[in-house]
Amino acid sequence: MVVSYKKLWKLLIDRDMKKKDLAEKANISSYTLSKLNRGNNVTTDVLVRICKALDCTFDEIMEVVDGDNLNS
C-alpha cells in the first residue's frame, strides 16, 4: 500500500493553482513539494498545512492505494 497524491494535483487544476502557488500558500519547501510529486512520505504537519491552505480534508488530497495499481 502506498499514498497517492493524484487527488491533490487534480484539486490544484480545478482551482487553477500551480504547485508553486500551493508551496507559498501552505508554507512548504520546494523539496517537500518534490517529495509529494514523487509520492514519497511527508509529515502529517505538511498535510495539515496543505489542507488549511486549500480549505479541504485529507481524503480530498490523498488516498492509500495498492502499490501494484499505482501506475494503472
N, C-alpha and C. Protein backbone atom coordinates (compact mmCIF):
# COMPACT_ATOMS: atom_id res chain seq x y z
N MET A 1 0.84 -1.18 0.00
CA MET A 1 0.00 0.00 0.00
C MET A 1 0.89 1.25 0.00
N VAL A 2 0.52 2.20 -0.81
CA VAL A 2 1.25 3.47 -0.89
C VAL A 2 0.26 4.63 -0.92
N VAL A 3 0.78 5.81 -0.64
CA VAL A 3 -0.06 7.00 -0.67
C VAL A 3 0.04 7.65 -2.05
N SER A 4 -1.11 8.00 -2.59
CA SER A 4 -1.17 8.70 -3.87
C SER A 4 -1.69 10.12 -3.63
N TYR A 5 -1.04 11.08 -4.26
CA TYR A 5 -1.46 12.48 -4.14
C TYR A 5 -2.12 12.98 -5.42
N LYS A 6 -2.60 12.07 -6.26
CA LYS A 6 -3.26 12.46 -7.51
C LYS A 6 -4.45 13.38 -7.25
N LYS A 7 -5.15 13.14 -6.15
CA LYS A 7 -6.29 14.00 -5.80
C LYS A 7 -5.84 15.44 -5.56
N LEU A 8 -4.68 15.60 -4.94
CA LEU A 8 -4.15 16.94 -4.70
C LEU A 8 -3.88 17.65 -6.01
N TRP A 9 -3.23 16.97 -6.94
CA TRP A 9 -2.89 17.60 -8.22
C TRP A 9 -4.16 17.94 -8.99
N LYS A 10 -5.17 17.10 -8.92
CA LYS A 10 -6.45 17.40 -9.59
C LYS A 10 -7.11 18.60 -8.95
N LEU A 11 -7.07 18.67 -7.61
CA LEU A 11 -7.66 19.79 -6.89
C LEU A 11 -6.99 21.10 -7.29
N LEU A 12 -5.67 21.07 -7.44
CA LEU A 12 -4.95 22.28 -7.87
C LEU A 12 -5.40 22.70 -9.27
N ILE A 13 -5.57 21.74 -10.16
CA ILE A 13 -6.04 22.05 -11.51
C ILE A 13 -7.44 22.65 -11.45
N ASP A 14 -8.31 22.03 -10.66
CA ASP A 14 -9.68 22.53 -10.54
C ASP A 14 -9.73 23.95 -10.00
N ARG A 15 -8.78 24.29 -9.14
CA ARG A 15 -8.75 25.63 -8.52
C ARG A 15 -7.82 26.59 -9.28
N ASP A 16 -7.33 26.13 -10.43
CA ASP A 16 -6.45 26.93 -11.27
C ASP A 16 -5.24 27.44 -10.48
N MET A 17 -4.63 26.53 -9.71
CA MET A 17 -3.43 26.85 -8.93
C MET A 17 -2.24 26.07 -9.46
N LYS A 18 -1.10 26.68 -9.36
CA LYS A 18 0.15 25.99 -9.70
C LYS A 18 0.75 25.43 -8.41
N LYS A 19 1.64 24.47 -8.57
CA LYS A 19 2.31 23.88 -7.40
C LYS A 19 3.07 24.94 -6.63
N LYS A 20 3.64 25.88 -7.34
CA LYS A 20 4.36 26.98 -6.70
C LYS A 20 3.42 27.79 -5.81
N ASP A 21 2.20 28.01 -6.29
CA ASP A 21 1.20 28.75 -5.51
C ASP A 21 0.87 28.00 -4.22
N LEU A 22 0.73 26.70 -4.34
CA LEU A 22 0.45 25.87 -3.16
C LEU A 22 1.60 25.96 -2.16
N ALA A 23 2.83 25.86 -2.66
CA ALA A 23 4.00 25.92 -1.78
C ALA A 23 4.02 27.22 -0.99
N GLU A 24 3.71 28.32 -1.64
CA GLU A 24 3.70 29.62 -0.97
C GLU A 24 2.56 29.72 0.04
N LYS A 25 1.37 29.31 -0.38
CA LYS A 25 0.19 29.44 0.47
C LYS A 25 0.26 28.51 1.69
N ALA A 26 0.81 27.31 1.52
CA ALA A 26 0.89 26.33 2.61
C ALA A 26 2.22 26.41 3.36
N ASN A 27 3.10 27.28 2.89
CA ASN A 27 4.42 27.44 3.51
C ASN A 27 5.19 26.12 3.56
N ILE A 28 5.30 25.48 2.39
CA ILE A 28 6.09 24.25 2.28
C ILE A 28 7.24 24.49 1.30
N SER A 29 8.31 23.79 1.51
CA SER A 29 9.51 23.99 0.69
C SER A 29 9.37 23.30 -0.66
N SER A 30 10.22 23.69 -1.58
CA SER A 30 10.23 23.04 -2.90
C SER A 30 10.66 21.58 -2.76
N TYR A 31 11.50 21.29 -1.77
CA TYR A 31 11.91 19.91 -1.52
C TYR A 31 10.71 19.06 -1.10
N THR A 32 9.87 19.59 -0.21
CA THR A 32 8.68 18.87 0.23
C THR A 32 7.71 18.70 -0.93
N LEU A 33 7.56 19.73 -1.73
CA LEU A 33 6.69 19.64 -2.90
C LEU A 33 7.19 18.57 -3.87
N SER A 34 8.50 18.47 -4.00
CA SER A 34 9.11 17.44 -4.84
C SER A 34 8.81 16.04 -4.29
N LYS A 35 8.87 15.91 -2.95
CA LYS A 35 8.55 14.62 -2.34
C LYS A 35 7.09 14.24 -2.61
N LEU A 36 6.20 15.20 -2.51
CA LEU A 36 4.79 14.95 -2.82
C LEU A 36 4.63 14.53 -4.28
N ASN A 37 5.34 15.21 -5.15
CA ASN A 37 5.25 14.93 -6.58
C ASN A 37 5.70 13.51 -6.91
N ARG A 38 6.69 13.02 -6.14
CA ARG A 38 7.20 11.65 -6.34
C ARG A 38 6.39 10.61 -5.58
N GLY A 39 5.43 11.06 -4.77
CA GLY A 39 4.64 10.11 -3.99
C GLY A 39 5.34 9.61 -2.75
N ASN A 40 6.37 10.34 -2.30
CA ASN A 40 7.09 9.95 -1.09
C ASN A 40 6.32 10.38 0.15
N ASN A 41 6.73 9.83 1.28
CA ASN A 41 6.08 10.17 2.55
C ASN A 41 6.44 11.59 2.97
N VAL A 42 5.45 12.28 3.52
CA VAL A 42 5.66 13.59 4.13
C VAL A 42 5.00 13.56 5.51
N THR A 43 5.32 14.51 6.34
CA THR A 43 4.76 14.52 7.69
C THR A 43 3.30 14.94 7.67
N THR A 44 2.60 14.58 8.73
CA THR A 44 1.20 15.00 8.84
C THR A 44 1.12 16.51 8.98
N ASP A 45 2.14 17.13 9.55
CA ASP A 45 2.17 18.59 9.65
C ASP A 45 2.07 19.22 8.26
N VAL A 46 2.79 18.70 7.30
CA VAL A 46 2.73 19.20 5.93
C VAL A 46 1.33 19.01 5.37
N LEU A 47 0.75 17.85 5.58
CA LEU A 47 -0.59 17.59 5.06
C LEU A 47 -1.62 18.53 5.69
N VAL A 48 -1.47 18.79 6.98
CA VAL A 48 -2.38 19.72 7.66
C VAL A 48 -2.25 21.12 7.08
N ARG A 49 -1.02 21.56 6.83
CA ARG A 49 -0.82 22.90 6.25
C ARG A 49 -1.43 23.00 4.86
N ILE A 50 -1.32 21.93 4.08
CA ILE A 50 -1.93 21.91 2.75
C ILE A 50 -3.44 21.98 2.87
N CYS A 51 -4.00 21.19 3.77
CA CYS A 51 -5.45 21.19 3.96
C CYS A 51 -5.96 22.55 4.44
N LYS A 52 -5.23 23.19 5.33
CA LYS A 52 -5.62 24.53 5.79
C LYS A 52 -5.56 25.53 4.64
N ALA A 53 -4.50 25.46 3.86
CA ALA A 53 -4.32 26.39 2.75
C ALA A 53 -5.41 26.23 1.69
N LEU A 54 -5.84 24.99 1.48
CA LEU A 54 -6.84 24.72 0.44
C LEU A 54 -8.25 24.58 1.00
N ASP A 55 -8.38 24.69 2.32
CA ASP A 55 -9.67 24.53 2.99
C ASP A 55 -10.32 23.21 2.57
N CYS A 56 -9.60 22.12 2.83
CA CYS A 56 -10.08 20.80 2.45
C CYS A 56 -9.67 19.78 3.53
N THR A 57 -9.99 18.52 3.30
CA THR A 57 -9.65 17.44 4.23
C THR A 57 -8.64 16.50 3.59
N PHE A 58 -8.07 15.63 4.43
CA PHE A 58 -7.08 14.66 3.94
C PHE A 58 -7.60 13.84 2.77
N ASP A 59 -8.83 13.37 2.87
CA ASP A 59 -9.35 12.50 1.82
C ASP A 59 -9.57 13.23 0.50
N GLU A 60 -9.49 14.55 0.50
CA GLU A 60 -9.62 15.32 -0.73
C GLU A 60 -8.28 15.53 -1.43
N ILE A 61 -7.17 15.22 -0.74
CA ILE A 61 -5.85 15.44 -1.35
C ILE A 61 -5.02 14.18 -1.48
N MET A 62 -5.43 13.10 -0.83
CA MET A 62 -4.62 11.88 -0.88
C MET A 62 -5.49 10.65 -0.70
N GLU A 63 -4.93 9.51 -1.08
CA GLU A 63 -5.59 8.23 -0.85
C GLU A 63 -4.53 7.14 -0.77
N VAL A 64 -4.87 6.10 -0.06
CA VAL A 64 -3.98 4.93 0.04
C VAL A 64 -4.42 3.95 -1.04
N VAL A 65 -3.46 3.55 -1.86
CA VAL A 65 -3.76 2.66 -2.98
C VAL A 65 -2.83 1.45 -2.94
N ASP A 66 -3.25 0.42 -3.62
CA ASP A 66 -2.42 -0.77 -3.78
C ASP A 66 -1.23 -0.40 -4.63
N GLY A 67 -0.03 -0.65 -4.18
CA GLY A 67 1.19 -0.29 -4.90
C GLY A 67 1.29 -0.88 -6.29
N ASP A 68 0.66 -2.04 -6.50
CA ASP A 68 0.70 -2.70 -7.81
C ASP A 68 -0.14 -1.94 -8.84
N ASN A 69 -1.14 -1.18 -8.38
CA ASN A 69 -2.05 -0.48 -9.29
C ASN A 69 -1.75 1.00 -9.41
N LEU A 70 -0.64 1.45 -8.86
CA LEU A 70 -0.34 2.87 -8.81
C LEU A 70 -0.23 3.50 -10.21
N ASN A 71 0.38 2.81 -11.13
CA ASN A 71 0.59 3.36 -12.47
C ASN A 71 -0.50 2.98 -13.45
N SER A 72 -1.51 2.29 -13.01
CA SER A 72 -2.56 1.87 -13.93
C SER A 72 -3.51 2.99 -14.21
